[in-house]
């Protein structure tokens, strides 16, 4: 239990931020899963249309600090490599 006023406020703030980060991480995971499913199904037109928004989602999540920027770049690179092959 927090004892000081600032600690109480900090607990509230962390709780809210955790909820926001969970949503962002969920969105990130869903985008990666959708892209991998499209690659497995070999739907080239859908891959082409979804890839820019996929990149955008990953970079937005990375920009907010929920995931590391290098992690997002690595995922994008790995997926684009799969698309090319």
C-alpha atoms as a PDB file:
ATOM      1  CA  UNK A   1       0.000   0.000   0.000  1.00  0.00           C
ATOM      2  CA  UNK A   2       1.370   3.427  -0.912  1.00  0.00           C
ATOM      3  CA  UNK A   3       1.790   5.736   2.060  1.00  0.00           C
ATOM      4  CA  UNK A   4       2.295   9.174   0.555  1.00  0.00           C
ATOM      5  CA  UNK A   5      -0.004  11.225  -1.644  1.00  0.00           C
ATOM      6  CA  UNK A   6       2.480  11.191  -4.512  1.00  0.00           C
ATOM      7  CA  UNK A   7       2.771   7.395  -4.309  1.00  0.00           C
ATOM      8  CA  UNK A   8      -1.022   7.068  -4.434  1.00  0.00           C
ATOM      9  CA  UNK A   9      -1.146   9.279  -7.522  1.00  0.00           C
ATOM     10  CA  UNK A  10       1.689   7.308  -9.079  1.00  0.00           C
ATOM     11  CA  UNK A  11      -0.217   4.036  -8.591  1.00  0.00           C
ATOM     12  CA  UNK A  12      -3.246   5.532 -10.354  1.00  0.00           C
ATOM     13  CA  UNK A  13      -1.076   6.787 -13.196  1.00  0.00           C
ATOM     14  CA  UNK A  14       0.715   3.456 -13.639  1.00  0.00           C
ATOM     15  CA  UNK A  15      -2.618   1.606 -13.683  1.00  0.00           C
ATOM     16  CA  UNK A  16      -3.938   3.830 -16.471  1.00  0.00           C
ATOM     17  CA  UNK A  17      -0.694   3.582 -18.448  1.00  0.00           C
ATOM     18  CA  UNK A  18      -0.672  -0.208 -18.110  1.00  0.00           C
ATOM     19  CA  UNK A  19      -4.152  -0.352 -19.619  1.00  0.00           C
ATOM     20  CA  UNK A  20      -3.062   1.844 -22.542  1.00  0.00           C
ATOM     21  CA  UNK A  21       0.064  -0.251 -23.128  1.00  0.00           C
ATOM     22  CA  UNK A  22      -2.002  -3.443 -23.090  1.00  0.00           C
ATOM     23  CA  UNK A  23      -4.242  -2.073 -25.837  1.00  0.00           C
ATOM     24  CA  UNK A  24      -1.257  -0.992 -27.908  1.00  0.00           C
ATOM     25  CA  UNK A  25       0.488  -4.328 -27.490  1.00  0.00           C
ATOM     26  CA  UNK A  26      -2.695  -6.165 -28.396  1.00  0.00           C
ATOM     27  CA  UNK A  27      -3.049  -4.076 -31.555  1.00  0.00           C
ATOM     28  CA  UNK A  28       0.604  -4.784 -32.408  1.00  0.00           C
ATOM     29  CA  UNK A  29       0.237  -8.546 -31.920  1.00  0.00           C
ATOM     30  CA  UNK A  30      -2.991  -8.628 -33.932  1.00  0.00           C
ATOM     31  CA  UNK A  31      -1.325  -6.806 -36.829  1.00  0.00           C
ATOM     32  CA  UNK A  32       1.634  -9.205 -36.850  1.00  0.00           C
ATOM     33  CA  UNK A  33      -0.663 -12.224 -36.696  1.00  0.00           C
ATOM     34  CA  UNK A  34      -2.893 -10.891 -39.490  1.00  0.00           C
ATOM     35  CA  UNK A  35       0.111 -10.231 -41.705  1.00  0.00           C
ATOM     36  CA  UNK A  36       1.542 -13.699 -41.093  1.00  0.00           C
ATOM     37  CA  UNK A  37      -1.847 -15.262 -41.858  1.00  0.00           C
ATOM     38  CA  UNK A  38      -2.033 -13.329 -45.123  1.00  0.00           C
ATOM     39  CA  UNK A  39       1.451 -14.522 -46.043  1.00  0.00           C
ATOM     40  CA  UNK A  40       0.531 -18.145 -45.289  1.00  0.00           C
ATOM     41  CA  UNK A  41      -2.648 -17.798 -47.372  1.00  0.00           C
ATOM     42  CA  UNK A  42      -0.563 -16.198 -50.163  1.00  0.00           C
ATOM     43  CA  UNK A  43      -3.060 -13.387 -50.774  1.00  0.00           C
ATOM     44  CA  UNK A  44      -0.801 -10.930 -52.554  1.00  0.00           C
ATOM     45  CA  UNK A  45      -3.318  -8.156 -53.175  1.00  0.00           C
ATOM     46  CA  UNK A  46      -4.372  -8.077 -49.506  1.00  0.00           C
ATOM     47  CA  UNK A  47      -0.747  -8.181 -48.382  1.00  0.00           C
ATOM     48  CA  UNK A  48       0.071  -5.225 -50.603  1.00  0.00           C
ATOM     49  CA  UNK A  49      -2.822  -3.180 -49.251  1.00  0.00           C
ATOM     50  CA  UNK A  50      -2.272  -4.100 -45.577  1.00  0.00           C
ATOM     51  CA  UNK A  51       1.524  -3.743 -45.431  1.00  0.00           C
ATOM     52  CA  UNK A  52       1.632   0.094 -45.185  1.00  0.00           C
ATOM     53  CA  UNK A  53      -0.878   0.107 -42.330  1.00  0.00           C
ATOM     54  CA  UNK A  54       1.036  -2.775 -40.720  1.00  0.00           C
ATOM     55  CA  UNK A  55       4.210  -0.681 -40.770  1.00  0.00           C
ATOM     56  CA  UNK A  56       2.327   2.307 -39.417  1.00  0.00           C
ATOM     57  CA  UNK A  57       0.868   0.339 -36.503  1.00  0.00           C
ATOM     58  CA  UNK A  58       4.252  -1.067 -35.520  1.00  0.00           C
ATOM     59  CA  UNK A  59       6.036   2.283 -35.700  1.00  0.00           C
ATOM     60  CA  UNK A  60       3.291   4.045 -33.717  1.00  0.00           C
ATOM     61  CA  UNK A  61       3.535   1.433 -30.972  1.00  0.00           C
ATOM     62  CA  UNK A  62       7.323   1.777 -31.000  1.00  0.00           C
ATOM     63  CA  UNK A  63       7.140   5.559 -30.948  1.00  0.00           C
ATOM     64  CA  UNK A  64       5.014   5.458 -27.811  1.00  0.00           C
ATOM     65  CA  UNK A  65       7.648   3.274 -26.142  1.00  0.00           C
ATOM     66  CA  UNK A  66       5.419   0.252 -25.644  1.00  0.00           C
ATOM     67  CA  UNK A  67       7.850  -1.836 -27.666  1.00  0.00           C
ATOM     68  CA  UNK A  68      11.414  -1.050 -28.607  1.00  0.00           C
ATOM     69  CA  UNK A  69      11.982   0.736 -31.941  1.00  0.00           C
ATOM     70  CA  UNK A  70      14.521  -1.867 -32.984  1.00  0.00           C
ATOM     71  CA  UNK A  71      12.010  -4.640 -32.288  1.00  0.00           C
ATOM     72  CA  UNK A  72       9.478  -2.956 -34.563  1.00  0.00           C
ATOM     73  CA  UNK A  73      12.083  -2.461 -37.286  1.00  0.00           C
ATOM     74  CA  UNK A  74      13.159  -6.085 -36.992  1.00  0.00           C
ATOM     75  CA  UNK A  75       9.551  -7.313 -37.306  1.00  0.00           C
ATOM     76  CA  UNK A  76       8.937  -5.103 -40.343  1.00  0.00           C
ATOM     77  CA  UNK A  77      12.160  -6.289 -41.957  1.00  0.00           C
ATOM     78  CA  UNK A  78      11.391  -9.944 -41.284  1.00  0.00           C
ATOM     79  CA  UNK A  79       7.854  -9.657 -42.695  1.00  0.00           C
ATOM     80  CA  UNK A  80       8.992  -7.747 -45.800  1.00  0.00           C
ATOM     81  CA  UNK A  81      11.623 -10.431 -46.404  1.00  0.00           C
ATOM     82  CA  UNK A  82       8.886 -13.099 -46.212  1.00  0.00           C
ATOM     83  CA  UNK A  83       6.751 -11.127 -48.666  1.00  0.00           C
ATOM     84  CA  UNK A  84       9.584 -10.875 -51.198  1.00  0.00           C
ATOM     85  CA  UNK A  85      10.241 -14.630 -51.061  1.00  0.00           C
END
